[in-house]
Amino acid sequence: MMQVPEGRPTSQRHCLRPEHSAAWKVAGFCCVLALTLLPCPAGAADLAVLRNGFSIRHDHRQVMGATTRLFFFADDSSFTDVPTEQIANYERDLSAPTPAPSAGSITASFPKSAVPLPINEVVNSASATFHLDPDLVNSVIHAESGFNAHAVSPKGARGLMQLMPGTADQLGVSDAFDPEANVTGGSRYLRELLERYNFDLVKALAAYNAGPGRVEQYQGVPPFRETRAYVARIVHEYNTKKIAQEKAAKQKQAASHATSKPKRKTSPKTQTATKPAGTTVAAASAH
């Protein structure tokens, strides 16, 4: 079980993006009432620009007081709810429009299944394919997009793992807003960076965030505040997960021993044999 020293900063992205808001607040109804009257033509693509710097591409929207529902397609088949207060403004999306889903297009986008897979299944599948820890991939997604498959950064990075258009093309990702394609491409890229830097996770994340060129230029993590904060955030979250898992495993082991103790008396020989196992776990957590 690998843990990364939190004292070393890490970075991850080919495009810098601001930190996500820690909590959503409640907004008043009257300050956004006018937005409900704005026309949103069918088939038109808009961007809801959020106060945290991200933007969400959508077909049309419905303001419901403190919550705004953003519909991704004209047929209302897919949507996300966003606190109205967090939306700074709306802009027209001048990029190529995303076609509305149809039986044929869904089958083409998801060849293994007729409907999109849950995010956890997508992450587990991509992690297994590229031999990554799912907890690490989830931590990267959390820092990159907050698990918003339609997130667009100020620099143009898209989707769950915030792939820049050029990087997505190199990875063979034709639709960065497709969760399965995005996570598969992002996981592949992360694996390539790990191999490139001899599995130094800190450098790999720094290259994912600021680009390999910057890592080579500074012979390590670039001195960018956002990059260092981003790396530290992923390392902290990942280590927290690992520590919690180790703690749960120890508690489960202790409960198992306590349950089996009355049934069978443990010989001195067995007690001596179990001691090193506990020592091994403790040593692993120290690293």
Protein backbone atom coordinates (compact mmCIF):
# COMPACT_ATOMS: atom_id res chain seq x y z
CA MET A 1 0.00 0.00 0.00
CA MET A 2 1.78 3.10 -1.21
CA GLN A 3 1.61 6.42 0.55
CA VAL A 4 3.22 9.61 -0.66
CA PRO A 5 5.01 12.02 1.67
CA GLU A 6 2.73 15.04 2.00
CA GLY A 7 5.68 17.36 2.43
CA ARG A 8 6.44 17.03 -1.28
CA PRO A 9 4.14 19.04 -3.51
CA THR A 10 2.53 17.49 -6.54
CA SER A 11 0.81 18.72 -9.61
CA GLN A 12 -1.33 17.31 -12.22
CA ARG A 13 -2.45 18.96 -15.31
CA HIS A 14 -1.70 20.23 -18.73
CA CYS A 15 -4.01 23.17 -17.93
CA LEU A 16 -4.20 25.08 -14.67
CA ARG A 17 -7.55 25.51 -12.99
CA PRO A 18 -8.80 27.17 -9.82
CA GLU A 19 -9.73 25.28 -6.66
CA HIS A 20 -13.25 24.04 -6.24
CA SER A 21 -15.61 25.70 -3.73
CA ALA A 22 -15.72 23.89 -0.41
CA ALA A 23 -19.49 24.23 0.01
CA TRP A 24 -22.55 25.44 -1.90
CA LYS A 25 -24.58 28.33 -0.44
CA VAL A 26 -28.26 29.14 -0.79
CA ALA A 27 -29.15 31.95 -3.24
CA GLY A 28 -32.20 34.24 -3.24
CA PHE A 29 -34.95 33.77 -5.80
CA CYS A 30 -35.40 37.38 -6.92
CA CYS A 31 -31.80 37.98 -7.96
CA VAL A 32 -32.06 35.23 -10.59
CA LEU A 33 -35.70 35.58 -11.66
CA ALA A 34 -34.72 37.44 -14.81
CA LEU A 35 -32.64 34.49 -15.98
CA THR A 36 -35.75 32.33 -16.26
CA LEU A 37 -37.08 34.70 -18.91
CA LEU A 38 -34.04 34.46 -21.17
CA PRO A 39 -34.73 32.45 -24.31
CA CYS A 40 -32.61 29.34 -24.87
CA PRO A 41 -33.17 28.05 -28.42
CA ALA A 42 -33.38 24.30 -29.00
CA GLY A 43 -30.06 22.94 -30.11
CA ALA A 44 -28.15 26.02 -28.92
CA ALA A 45 -25.10 25.27 -26.80
CA ASP A 46 -24.41 27.54 -23.83
CA LEU A 47 -21.80 27.62 -21.10
CA ALA A 48 -22.78 28.24 -17.49
CA VAL A 49 -19.69 29.99 -16.12
CA LEU A 50 -19.28 29.13 -12.43
CA ARG A 51 -17.68 31.34 -9.80
CA ASN A 52 -14.96 28.73 -9.19
CA GLY A 53 -13.69 29.19 -12.75
CA PHE A 54 -15.29 26.14 -14.33
CA SER A 55 -18.01 26.20 -16.93
CA ILE A 56 -20.67 23.62 -17.77
CA ARG A 57 -21.78 23.13 -21.36
CA HIS A 58 -25.53 22.61 -21.70
CA ASP A 59 -28.35 22.75 -24.22
CA HIS A 60 -30.88 24.68 -22.11
CA ARG A 61 -31.64 25.43 -18.47
CA GLN A 62 -34.38 25.92 -15.92
CA VAL A 63 -33.95 28.19 -12.90
CA MET A 64 -35.79 26.86 -9.83
CA GLY A 65 -35.07 29.44 -7.15
CA ALA A 66 -31.84 28.49 -5.38
CA THR A 67 -31.15 25.71 -7.89
CA THR A 68 -30.58 25.87 -11.64
CA ARG A 69 -31.06 22.70 -13.69
CA LEU A 70 -28.75 22.46 -16.69
CA PHE A 71 -29.96 20.08 -19.41
CA PHE A 72 -27.25 18.52 -21.55
CA PHE A 73 -29.56 17.55 -24.43
CA ALA A 74 -32.71 18.99 -25.99
CA ASP A 75 -34.85 16.01 -24.91
CA ASP A 76 -34.19 16.60 -21.17
CA SER A 77 -32.74 13.08 -20.88
CA SER A 78 -29.69 14.19 -18.90
CA PHE A 79 -29.16 17.11 -16.53
CA THR A 80 -27.29 18.36 -13.48
CA ASP A 81 -28.46 20.67 -10.68
CA VAL A 82 -26.22 23.59 -9.69
CA PRO A 83 -26.77 26.15 -6.90
CA THR A 84 -27.87 29.30 -8.73
CA GLU A 85 -25.58 31.47 -6.61
CA GLN A 86 -22.53 29.67 -7.99
CA ILE A 87 -23.32 30.64 -11.60
CA ALA A 88 -21.56 33.89 -12.50
CA ASN A 89 -22.95 34.25 -16.04
CA TYR A 90 -23.81 32.46 -19.28
CA GLU A 91 -21.92 32.47 -22.55
CA ARG A 92 -22.47 30.95 -25.97
CA ASP A 93 -20.30 27.90 -26.64
CA LEU A 94 -18.60 28.43 -29.98
CA SER A 95 -17.05 24.95 -30.10
CA ALA A 96 -18.53 22.07 -32.08
CA PRO A 97 -21.93 21.06 -30.63
CA THR A 98 -22.47 17.73 -28.96
CA PRO A 99 -25.21 15.79 -30.82
CA ALA A 100 -28.29 14.70 -28.95
CA PRO A 101 -28.17 11.05 -27.87
CA SER A 102 -29.84 8.45 -30.05
CA ALA A 103 -29.92 4.67 -30.03
CA GLY A 104 -27.13 4.56 -32.60
CA SER A 105 -24.92 7.19 -30.99
CA ILE A 106 -25.21 5.68 -27.54
CA THR A 107 -24.20 2.29 -28.87
CA ALA A 108 -21.22 3.85 -30.64
CA SER A 109 -20.07 5.77 -27.56
CA PHE A 110 -20.47 2.82 -25.22
CA PRO A 111 -19.73 -0.32 -27.22
CA LYS A 112 -19.69 -2.55 -24.13
CA SER A 113 -23.12 -1.53 -22.87
CA ALA A 114 -26.26 0.24 -24.07
CA VAL A 115 -26.10 2.86 -21.32
CA PRO A 116 -23.26 4.74 -19.62
CA LEU A 117 -21.57 2.92 -16.76
CA PRO A 118 -21.57 4.34 -13.22
CA ILE A 119 -18.46 6.39 -12.48
CA ASN A 120 -17.11 3.86 -9.96
CA GLU A 121 -17.30 1.08 -12.56
CA VAL A 122 -15.62 3.30 -15.14
CA VAL A 123 -12.81 4.11 -12.69
CA ASN A 124 -12.35 0.50 -11.61
CA SER A 125 -12.21 -0.69 -15.21
CA ALA A 126 -9.69 1.94 -16.34
CA SER A 127 -7.58 1.42 -13.21
CA ALA A 128 -7.43 -2.33 -13.82
CA THR A 129 -6.50 -1.81 -17.48
CA PHE A 130 -3.59 0.50 -16.69
CA HIS A 131 -2.62 -1.03 -13.34
CA LEU A 132 -3.47 1.99 -11.22
CA ASP A 133 -4.96 2.30 -7.75
CA PRO A 134 -8.65 3.30 -8.15
CA ASP A 135 -8.27 5.52 -5.08
CA LEU A 136 -5.57 7.49 -6.88
CA VAL A 137 -7.68 7.90 -10.02
CA ASN A 138 -10.66 9.01 -7.93
CA SER A 139 -8.48 11.56 -6.11
CA VAL A 140 -7.28 12.95 -9.44
CA ILE A 141 -10.86 13.20 -10.75
CA HIS A 142 -11.97 14.91 -7.54
CA ALA A 143 -9.24 17.54 -7.87
CA GLU A 144 -9.68 17.97 -11.61
CA SER A 145 -13.44 18.26 -12.06
CA GLY A 146 -15.20 17.44 -8.80
CA PHE A 147 -16.72 14.44 -10.66
CA ASN A 148 -18.50 16.73 -13.12
CA ALA A 149 -18.35 14.98 -16.50
CA HIS A 150 -19.29 18.21 -18.31
CA ALA A 151 -16.76 20.49 -16.60
CA VAL A 152 -14.79 22.88 -18.82
CA SER A 153 -11.79 24.75 -17.38
CA PRO A 154 -10.90 28.35 -18.29
CA LYS A 155 -8.09 26.97 -20.49
CA GLY A 156 -10.38 24.54 -22.32
CA ALA A 157 -9.69 21.23 -20.54
CA ARG A 158 -12.78 19.02 -20.54
CA GLY A 159 -14.49 16.21 -18.70
CA LEU A 160 -13.81 14.23 -15.56
CA MET A 161 -10.02 14.13 -15.89
CA GLN A 162 -9.85 17.52 -17.65
CA LEU A 163 -8.19 16.53 -20.90
CA MET A 164 -6.96 19.31 -23.16
CA PRO A 165 -8.15 18.88 -26.78
CA GLY A 166 -4.63 18.13 -28.05
CA THR A 167 -3.98 15.56 -25.34
CA ALA A 168 -7.37 13.96 -25.93
CA ASP A 169 -6.56 13.59 -29.64
CA GLN A 170 -3.22 11.96 -28.85
CA LEU A 171 -4.97 9.53 -26.51
CA GLY A 172 -7.65 8.71 -29.06
CA VAL A 173 -10.46 10.31 -27.04
CA SER A 174 -12.96 11.68 -29.55
CA ASP A 175 -15.51 12.84 -26.95
CA ALA A 176 -13.95 14.23 -23.76
CA PHE A 177 -17.42 14.55 -22.21
CA ASP A 178 -17.93 10.77 -22.44
CA PRO A 179 -17.02 9.61 -18.89
CA GLU A 180 -15.79 6.20 -19.99
CA ALA A 181 -13.61 7.58 -22.79
CA ASN A 182 -12.32 10.45 -20.64
CA VAL A 183 -11.34 8.33 -17.64
CA THR A 184 -9.79 5.67 -19.86
CA GLY A 185 -7.72 8.29 -21.69
CA GLY A 186 -6.80 10.15 -18.50
CA SER A 187 -5.78 6.94 -16.74
CA ARG A 188 -3.65 5.91 -19.69
CA TYR A 189 -1.93 9.31 -19.67
CA LEU A 190 -1.32 9.10 -15.91
CA ARG A 191 0.19 5.64 -16.32
CA GLU A 192 2.49 6.87 -19.10
CA LEU A 193 3.68 9.71 -16.87
CA LEU A 194 4.32 7.34 -13.97
CA GLU A 195 6.47 5.15 -16.19
CA ARG A 196 8.24 8.19 -17.60
CA TYR A 197 9.25 9.37 -14.13
CA ASN A 198 10.08 5.91 -12.72
CA PHE A 199 6.82 5.80 -10.76
CA ASP A 200 7.54 9.02 -8.88
CA LEU A 201 3.93 9.97 -8.24
CA VAL A 202 4.75 13.55 -7.32
CA LYS A 203 6.49 14.23 -10.62
CA ALA A 204 3.82 12.36 -12.57
CA LEU A 205 1.07 14.48 -11.07
CA ALA A 206 3.11 17.63 -11.64
CA ALA A 207 3.48 16.71 -15.31
CA TYR A 208 -0.23 15.93 -15.61
CA ASN A 209 -0.98 19.39 -14.28
CA ALA A 210 1.68 21.64 -15.77
CA GLY A 211 3.03 19.44 -18.56
CA PRO A 212 6.14 17.23 -18.79
CA GLY A 213 8.11 20.10 -20.31
CA ARG A 214 7.73 22.16 -17.15
CA VAL A 215 8.80 19.24 -14.95
CA GLU A 216 11.94 18.78 -17.04
CA GLN A 217 12.58 22.52 -17.08
CA TYR A 218 12.54 22.77 -13.28
CA GLN A 219 13.84 19.23 -12.70
CA GLY A 220 10.87 18.51 -10.49
CA VAL A 221 7.63 20.18 -9.47
CA PRO A 222 7.33 23.62 -11.12
CA PRO A 223 7.19 26.59 -8.72
CA PHE A 224 3.59 27.39 -9.59
CA ARG A 225 1.31 28.02 -6.62
CA GLU A 226 -1.69 26.31 -8.20
CA THR A 227 0.37 23.29 -9.25
CA ARG A 228 1.92 22.83 -5.82
CA ALA A 229 -1.43 23.25 -4.06
CA TYR A 230 -3.03 20.81 -6.48
CA VAL A 231 -0.38 18.15 -5.93
CA ALA A 232 -0.53 18.56 -2.16
CA ARG A 233 -4.30 18.21 -2.27
CA ILE A 234 -4.21 14.92 -4.20
CA VAL A 235 -1.42 13.49 -2.04
CA HIS A 236 -3.27 14.41 1.16
CA GLU A 237 -6.57 12.90 -0.01
CA TYR A 238 -4.90 9.75 -1.32
CA ASN A 239 -2.90 9.22 1.90
CA THR A 240 -6.01 9.81 3.99
CA LYS A 241 -7.80 7.03 2.13
CA LYS A 242 -4.88 4.63 2.59
CA ILE A 243 -4.58 5.37 6.32
CA ALA A 244 -8.33 4.86 6.79
CA GLN A 245 -8.16 1.53 4.93
CA GLU A 246 -5.25 0.34 7.07
CA LYS A 247 -7.08 1.35 10.22
CA ALA A 248 -10.22 -0.51 9.13
CA ALA A 249 -8.18 -3.60 8.26
CA LYS A 250 -6.54 -3.58 11.71
CA GLN A 251 -9.89 -3.19 13.44
CA LYS A 252 -11.34 -6.04 11.41
CA GLN A 253 -8.36 -8.22 12.25
CA ALA A 254 -8.65 -7.38 15.95
CA ALA A 255 -12.40 -8.13 15.93
CA SER A 256 -11.74 -11.43 14.20
CA HIS A 257 -9.18 -12.43 16.83
CA ALA A 258 -11.51 -11.38 19.64
CA THR A 259 -14.36 -13.47 18.22
CA SER A 260 -12.25 -16.58 17.73
CA LYS A 261 -10.48 -16.36 21.10
CA PRO A 262 -13.22 -17.96 23.30
CA LYS A 263 -13.68 -20.81 20.83
CA ARG A 264 -10.11 -21.94 20.79
CA LYS A 265 -7.25 -21.36 23.13
CA THR A 266 -4.29 -19.96 21.25
CA SER A 267 -1.02 -21.68 21.94
CA PRO A 268 2.06 -19.62 22.79
CA LYS A 269 3.53 -20.68 19.46
CA THR A 270 0.60 -19.18 17.50
CA GLN A 271 0.72 -15.92 19.47
CA THR A 272 4.37 -15.48 18.64
CA ALA A 273 3.68 -16.09 14.93
CA THR A 274 0.97 -13.42 14.71
CA LYS A 275 3.08 -10.65 16.22
CA PRO A 276 5.24 -9.94 13.15
CA ALA A 277 2.10 -9.43 11.01
CA GLY A 278 1.10 -6.47 13.14
CA THR A 279 4.63 -5.15 13.00
CA THR A 280 4.62 -5.40 9.20
CA VAL A 281 1.44 -3.36 8.89
CA ALA A 282 2.79 -0.70 11.21
CA ALA A 283 6.01 -0.46 9.24
CA ALA A 284 4.12 -0.13 5.98
CA SER A 285 2.01 2.72 7.34
CA ALA A 286 5.13 4.53 8.51
CA HIS A 287 6.27 4.74 4.91
